[in-house]
PDB file of N, CA and C in Angstrom:
ATOM      1  N   MET A   1      96.298 100.494  54.805  1.00  0.00           N
ATOM      2  CA  MET A   1      97.168  99.875  54.834  1.00  0.00           C
ATOM      3  C   MET A   1      97.263  99.394  56.254  1.00  0.00           C
ATOM      4  N   ARG A   2      97.003  98.257  56.530  1.00  0.00           N
ATOM      5  CA  ARG A   2      96.605  97.348  57.760  1.00  0.00           C
ATOM      6  C   ARG A   2      98.002  96.758  58.598  1.00  0.00           C
ATOM      7  N   THR A   3      98.184  97.026  59.446  1.00  0.00           N
ATOM      8  CA  THR A   3      99.538  96.086  60.007  1.00  0.00           C
ATOM      9  C   THR A   3      99.306  94.777  60.575  1.00  0.00           C
ATOM     10  N   LEU A   4     100.125  94.122  60.845  1.00  0.00           N
ATOM     11  CA  LEU A   4     100.097  92.582  62.226  1.00  0.00           C
ATOM     12  C   LEU A   4      98.862  92.881  62.956  1.00  0.00           C
ATOM     13  N   PRO A   5      98.639  92.203  63.586  1.00  0.00           N
ATOM     14  CA  PRO A   5      98.154  92.235  65.242  1.00  0.00           C
ATOM     15  C   PRO A   5      99.376  92.247  65.439  1.00  0.00           C
ATOM     16  N   GLY A   6      99.462  93.058  67.031  1.00  0.00           N
ATOM     17  CA  GLY A   6     100.428  93.047  67.736  1.00  0.00           C
ATOM     18  C   GLY A   6     101.634  94.151  67.419  1.00  0.00           C
ATOM     19  N   LYS A   7     101.760  94.220  66.446  1.00  0.00           N
ATOM     20  CA  LYS A   7     102.985  95.076  65.628  1.00  0.00           C
ATOM     21  C   LYS A   7     102.462  96.741  66.140  1.00  0.00           C
ATOM     22  N   GLY A   8     101.158  97.236  66.354  1.00  0.00           N
ATOM     23  CA  GLY A   8     100.578  98.398  66.804  1.00  0.00           C
ATOM     24  C   GLY A   8     102.145  99.457  67.638  1.00  0.00           C
ATOM     25  N   ASN A   9     101.105 100.785  67.499  1.00  0.00           N
ATOM     26  CA  ASN A   9     102.255 101.744  67.669  1.00  0.00           C
ATOM     27  C   ASN A   9     102.195 101.417  69.763  1.00  0.00           C
ATOM     28  N   SER A  10     103.782 100.986  70.507  1.00  0.00           N
ATOM     29  CA  SER A  10     103.287 100.812  71.430  1.00  0.00           C
ATOM     30  C   SER A  10     103.119 101.788  72.229  1.00  0.00           C
ATOM     31  N   ALA A  11     103.165 103.604  71.841  1.00  0.00           N
ATOM     32  CA  ALA A  11     103.196 104.523  72.883  1.00  0.00           C
ATOM     33  C   ALA A  11     101.430 104.812  72.976  1.00  0.00           C
ATOM     34  N   THR A  12     100.873 104.145  72.143  1.00  0.00           N
ATOM     35  CA  THR A  12      99.612 104.251  72.017  1.00  0.00           C
ATOM     36  C   THR A  12      98.820 103.099  72.725  1.00  0.00           C
ATOM     37  N   LYS A  13      99.501 101.791  73.104  1.00  0.00           N
ATOM     38  CA  LYS A  13      98.992 100.802  73.861  1.00  0.00           C
ATOM     39  C   LYS A  13      99.266 100.790  74.984  1.00  0.00           C
ATOM     40  N   GLN A  14     100.682 101.759  75.286  1.00  0.00           N
ATOM     41  CA  GLN A  14     100.597 102.309  76.877  1.00  0.00           C
ATOM     42  C   GLN A  14      99.894 103.348  77.665  1.00  0.00           C
ATOM     43  N   LEU A  15      99.206 104.625  76.277  1.00  0.00           N
ATOM     44  CA  LEU A  15      98.888 105.147  76.989  1.00  0.00           C
ATOM     45  C   LEU A  15      97.157 104.560  77.343  1.00  0.00           C
ATOM     46  N   VAL A  16      96.426 103.695  76.085  1.00  0.00           N
ATOM     47  CA  VAL A  16      95.020 102.841  76.699  1.00  0.00           C
ATOM     48  C   VAL A  16      95.672 102.276  78.210  1.00  0.00           C
ATOM     49  N   ASP A  17      96.468 102.021  78.172  1.00  0.00           N
ATOM     50  CA  ASP A  17      96.786 100.756  78.887  1.00  0.00           C
ATOM     51  C   ASP A  17      96.599 101.925  80.482  1.00  0.00           C
ATOM     52  N   ARG A  18      97.022 102.792  80.725  1.00  0.00           N
ATOM     53  CA  ARG A  18      96.920 103.757  82.013  1.00  0.00           C
ATOM     54  C   ARG A  18      96.036 103.889  81.965  1.00  0.00           C
ATOM     55  N   ILE A  19      95.376 104.363  80.808  1.00  0.00           N
ATOM     56  CA  ILE A  19      93.943 104.907  80.748  1.00  0.00           C
ATOM     57  C   ILE A  19      92.861 104.106  81.361  1.00  0.00           C
ATOM     58  N   LEU A  20      92.982 102.848  81.036  1.00  0.00           N
ATOM     59  CA  LEU A  20      92.212 101.999  81.825  1.00  0.00           C
ATOM     60  C   LEU A  20      92.630 101.338  83.144  1.00  0.00           C
ATOM     61  N   ALA A  21      93.658 101.097  83.403  1.00  0.00           N
ATOM     62  CA  ALA A  21      94.397 101.672  84.833  1.00  0.00           C
ATOM     63  C   ALA A  21      93.639 102.510  85.878  1.00  0.00           C
ATOM     64  N   ALA A  22      93.690 104.027  85.081  1.00  0.00           N
ATOM     65  CA  ALA A  22      93.584 104.682  86.248  1.00  0.00           C
ATOM     66  C   ALA A  22      91.865 104.874  85.864  1.00  0.00           C
ATOM     67  N   GLY A  23      91.465 104.791  85.380  1.00  0.00           N
ATOM     68  CA  GLY A  23      89.589 104.455  85.444  1.00  0.00           C
ATOM     69  C   GLY A  23      89.367 106.277  84.908  1.00  0.00           C
ATOM     70  N   GLN A  24      90.662 107.036  84.665  1.00  0.00           N
ATOM     71  CA  GLN A  24      89.905 108.563  83.909  1.00  0.00           C
ATOM     72  C   GLN A  24      90.794 108.697  82.656  1.00  0.00           C
ATOM     73  N   MET A  25      90.589 109.342  82.275  1.00  0.00           N
ATOM     74  CA  MET A  25      91.846 110.594  81.451  1.00  0.00           C
ATOM     75  C   MET A  25      91.381 111.925  81.536  1.00  0.00           C
ATOM     76  N   THR A  26      92.330 112.393  80.715  1.00  0.00           N
ATOM     77  CA  THR A  26      91.932 114.043  80.387  1.00  0.00           C
ATOM     78  C   THR A  26      91.597 114.711  79.010  1.00  0.00           C
ATOM     79  N   ARG A  27      91.158 115.869  79.099  1.00  0.00           N
ATOM     80  CA  ARG A  27      90.015 116.085  78.149  1.00  0.00           C
ATOM     81  C   ARG A  27      91.253 116.087  76.638  1.00  0.00           C
ATOM     82  N   GLN A  28      92.561 116.272  77.368  1.00  0.00           N
ATOM     83  CA  GLN A  28      93.827 116.494  76.277  1.00  0.00           C
ATOM     84  C   GLN A  28      93.729 114.977  75.173  1.00  0.00           C
ATOM     85  N   GLU A  29      94.041 114.242  76.165  1.00  0.00           N
ATOM     86  CA  GLU A  29      94.182 112.802  76.102  1.00  0.00           C
ATOM     87  C   GLU A  29      92.959 112.342  75.002  1.00  0.00           C
ATOM     88  N   TYR A  30      91.679 112.659  75.679  1.00  0.00           N
ATOM     89  CA  TYR A  30      90.519 112.185  74.708  1.00  0.00           C
ATOM     90  C   TYR A  30      90.394 113.230  72.964  1.00  0.00           C
ATOM     91  N   LEU A  31      90.912 114.179  73.319  1.00  0.00           N
ATOM     92  CA  LEU A  31      90.935 114.658  72.210  1.00  0.00           C
ATOM     93  C   LEU A  31      91.862 114.343  71.098  1.00  0.00           C
ATOM     94  N   HIS A  32      93.023 113.547  71.730  1.00  0.00           N
ATOM     95  CA  HIS A  32      94.196 113.075  71.136  1.00  0.00           C
ATOM     96  C   HIS A  32      93.663 111.849  70.360  1.00  0.00           C
ATOM     97  N   LEU A  33      93.163 110.639  71.256  1.00  0.00           N
ATOM     98  CA  LEU A  33      92.631 109.744  70.539  1.00  0.00           C
ATOM     99  C   LEU A  33      91.524 109.911  69.704  1.00  0.00           C
ATOM    100  N   THR A  34      90.531 110.908  69.866  1.00  0.00           N
ATOM    101  CA  THR A  34      89.628 111.575  68.992  1.00  0.00           C
ATOM    102  C   THR A  34      90.398 111.580  67.403  1.00  0.00           C
ATOM    103  N   SER A  35      90.941 112.740  67.915  1.00  0.00           N
ATOM    104  CA  SER A  35      92.214 113.354  66.153  1.00  0.00           C
ATOM    105  C   SER A  35      92.617 111.741  65.763  1.00  0.00           C
ATOM    106  N   MET A  36      93.285 111.147  66.724  1.00  0.00           N
ATOM    107  CA  MET A  36      93.699 109.885  65.712  1.00  0.00           C
ATOM    108  C   MET A  36      92.918 108.907  65.046  1.00  0.00           C
ATOM    109  N   LEU A  37      91.709 108.567  65.475  1.00  0.00           N
ATOM    110  CA  LEU A  37      90.788 107.983  65.004  1.00  0.00           C
ATOM    111  C   LEU A  37      89.953 108.931  63.634  1.00  0.00           C
ATOM    112  N   LEU A  38      90.265 110.112  63.334  1.00  0.00           N
ATOM    113  CA  LEU A  38      89.592 110.773  62.404  1.00  0.00           C
ATOM    114  C   LEU A  38      90.509 110.995  61.431  1.00  0.00           C
ATOM    115  N   SER A  39      92.165 110.872  61.673  1.00  0.00           N
ATOM    116  CA  SER A  39      93.330 111.240  61.147  1.00  0.00           C
ATOM    117  C   SER A  39      92.875 110.356  59.733  1.00  0.00           C
ATOM    118  N   THR A  40      93.823 110.646  58.529  1.00  0.00           N
ATOM    119  CA  THR A  40      93.625 109.975  57.858  1.00  0.00           C
ATOM    120  C   THR A  40      95.288 109.104  57.641  1.00  0.00           C
ATOM    121  N   SER A  41      95.983 109.140  59.112  1.00  0.00           N
ATOM    122  CA  SER A  41      97.436 108.211  59.435  1.00  0.00           C
ATOM    123  C   SER A  41      96.840 107.109  59.534  1.00  0.00           C
ATOM    124  N   LYS A  42      97.677 105.706  58.980  1.00  0.00           N
ATOM    125  CA  LYS A  42      97.825 104.589  59.148  1.00  0.00           C
ATOM    126  C   LYS A  42      98.039 104.185  60.460  1.00  0.00           C
ATOM    127  N   MET A  43      96.632 103.295  60.939  1.00  0.00           N
ATOM    128  CA  MET A  43      95.929 103.124  62.237  1.00  0.00           C
ATOM    129  C   MET A  43      95.963 101.509  62.126  1.00  0.00           C
ATOM    130  N   THR A  44      96.623 100.496  63.069  1.00  0.00           N
ATOM    131  CA  THR A  44      96.948  99.317  62.238  1.00  0.00           C
ATOM    132  C   THR A  44      94.978  99.072  63.415  1.00  0.00           C
ATOM    133  N   ASP A  45      94.381  97.744  63.018  1.00  0.00           N
ATOM    134  CA  ASP A  45      93.256  97.522  63.581  1.00  0.00           C
ATOM    135  C   ASP A  45      93.480  97.223  64.910  1.00  0.00           C
ATOM    136  N   GLU A  46      94.502  96.890  65.714  1.00  0.00           N
ATOM    137  CA  GLU A  46      94.885  96.673  67.627  1.00  0.00           C
ATOM    138  C   GLU A  46      94.723  98.238  67.575  1.00  0.00           C
ATOM    139  N   GLU A  47      95.044  99.298  67.019  1.00  0.00           N
ATOM    140  CA  GLU A  47      95.244 100.582  67.567  1.00  0.00           C
ATOM    141  C   GLU A  47      93.964 100.927  67.508  1.00  0.00           C
ATOM    142  N   ARG A  48      92.951 101.086  66.772  1.00  0.00           N
ATOM    143  CA  ARG A  48      91.526 100.950  66.368  1.00  0.00           C
ATOM    144  C   ARG A  48      91.088 100.555  67.102  1.00  0.00           C
ATOM    145  N   SER A  49      91.424  99.062  67.994  1.00  0.00           N
ATOM    146  CA  SER A  49      90.126  98.690  68.823  1.00  0.00           C
ATOM    147  C   SER A  49      90.584  99.072  70.439  1.00  0.00           C
ATOM    148  N   GLN A  50      91.631  99.426  70.475  1.00  0.00           N
ATOM    149  CA  GLN A  50      92.133 100.049  71.635  1.00  0.00           C
ATOM    150  C   GLN A  50      91.465 101.256  72.214  1.00  0.00           C
ATOM    151  N   ILE A  51      91.526 101.992  71.318  1.00  0.00           N
ATOM    152  CA  ILE A  51      90.801 103.372  71.381  1.00  0.00           C
ATOM    153  C   ILE A  51      89.482 103.338  71.587  1.00  0.00           C
ATOM    154  N   ASN A  52      88.955 102.688  70.685  1.00  0.00           N
ATOM    155  CA  ASN A  52      87.311 102.405  71.099  1.00  0.00           C
ATOM    156  C   ASN A  52      87.331 101.339  72.492  1.00  0.00           C
ATOM    157  N   ARG A  53      88.112 100.639  72.603  1.00  0.00           N
ATOM    158  CA  ARG A  53      87.446 100.085  73.782  1.00  0.00           C
ATOM    159  C   ARG A  53      87.640 101.473  74.809  1.00  0.00           C
ATOM    160  N   ILE A  54      88.903 102.188  74.913  1.00  0.00           N
ATOM    161  CA  ILE A  54      88.714 103.462  76.216  1.00  0.00           C
ATOM    162  C   ILE A  54      87.368 104.227  75.741  1.00  0.00           C
ATOM    163  N   PHE A  55      86.501 104.275  74.371  1.00  0.00           N
ATOM    164  CA  PHE A  55      85.342 105.346  74.418  1.00  0.00           C
ATOM    165  C   PHE A  55      84.328 104.615  74.866  1.00  0.00           C
ATOM    166  N   ASP A  56      84.124 103.295  74.620  1.00  0.00           N
ATOM    167  CA  ASP A  56      83.157 102.270  75.330  1.00  0.00           C
ATOM    168  C   ASP A  56      83.338 102.636  76.584  1.00  0.00           C
ATOM    169  N   GLN A  57      84.554 102.365  77.402  1.00  0.00           N
ATOM    170  CA  GLN A  57      84.395 102.522  78.728  1.00  0.00           C
ATOM    171  C   GLN A  57      83.984 103.419  79.317  1.00  0.00           C
ATOM    172  N   ILE A  58      83.953 104.883  78.715  1.00  0.00           N
ATOM    173  CA  ILE A  58      83.534 106.072  79.141  1.00  0.00           C
ATOM    174  C   ILE A  58      82.047 106.219  78.794  1.00  0.00           C
ATOM    175  N   HIS A  59      81.717 105.631  77.500  1.00  0.00           N
ATOM    176  CA  HIS A  59      80.276 106.033  77.546  1.00  0.00           C
ATOM    177  C   HIS A  59      79.431 104.647  78.688  1.00  0.00           C
ATOM    178  N   ALA A  60      79.953 103.953  78.923  1.00  0.00           N
ATOM    179  CA  ALA A  60      79.744 102.906  80.121  1.00  0.00           C
ATOM    180  C   ALA A  60      79.657 103.507  81.651  1.00  0.00           C
ATOM    181  N   GLY A  61      80.486 104.545  81.676  1.00  0.00           N
ATOM    182  CA  GLY A  61      80.508 105.384  82.784  1.00  0.00           C
ATOM    183  C   GLY A  61      81.639 104.687  83.862  1.00  0.00           C
ATOM    184  N   ARG A  62      82.920 103.491  83.005  1.00  0.00           N
ATOM    185  CA  ARG A  62      83.237 103.131  83.790  1.00  0.00           C
ATOM    186  C   ARG A  62      84.964 104.047  83.470  1.00  0.00           C
ATOM    187  N   THR A  63      84.790 105.305  82.689  1.00  0.00           N
ATOM    188  CA  THR A  63      86.367 105.949  83.032  1.00  0.00           C
ATOM    189  C   THR A  63      85.645 107.233  82.807  1.00  0.00           C
ATOM    190  N   LYS A  64      86.158 108.158  83.455  1.00  0.00           N
ATOM    191  CA  LYS A  64      85.776 108.936  83.830  1.00  0.00           C
ATOM    192  C   LYS A  64      87.048 110.405  83.089  1.00  0.00           C
ATOM    193  N   LEU A  65      86.031 111.224  82.259  1.00  0.00           N
ATOM    194  CA  LEU A  65      86.857 112.976  81.964  1.00  0.00           C
ATOM    195  C   LEU A  65      87.195 113.557  83.158  1.00  0.00           C
ATOM    196  N   VAL A  66      88.631 113.993  83.438  1.00  0.00           N
ATOM    197  CA  VAL A  66      89.132 114.943  83.986  1.00  0.00           C
ATOM    198  C   VAL A  66      89.778 116.075  83.357  1.00  0.00           C
ATOM    199  N   ASP A  67      89.715 117.504  83.849  1.00  0.00           N
ATOM    200  CA  ASP A  67      90.643 118.596  83.582  1.00  0.00           C
ATOM    201  C   ASP A  67      91.734 118.181  84.487  1.00  0.00           C
TER     202      ASP A  67
END
């Protein structure tokens, strides 16, 4: 089940916004976002897109993983 755009989890959006602004994320945050993508829980298209954006940033070297 998918929800309407703009109705996503604000906690996820806040986390994504913070990571993008800082240009870095902890390994714990990385694992949390990965598990969200792989879980069978209901996730909006917007949330999935936001998380994929973070992973794209990591792959491109614009966001770093820190301990």
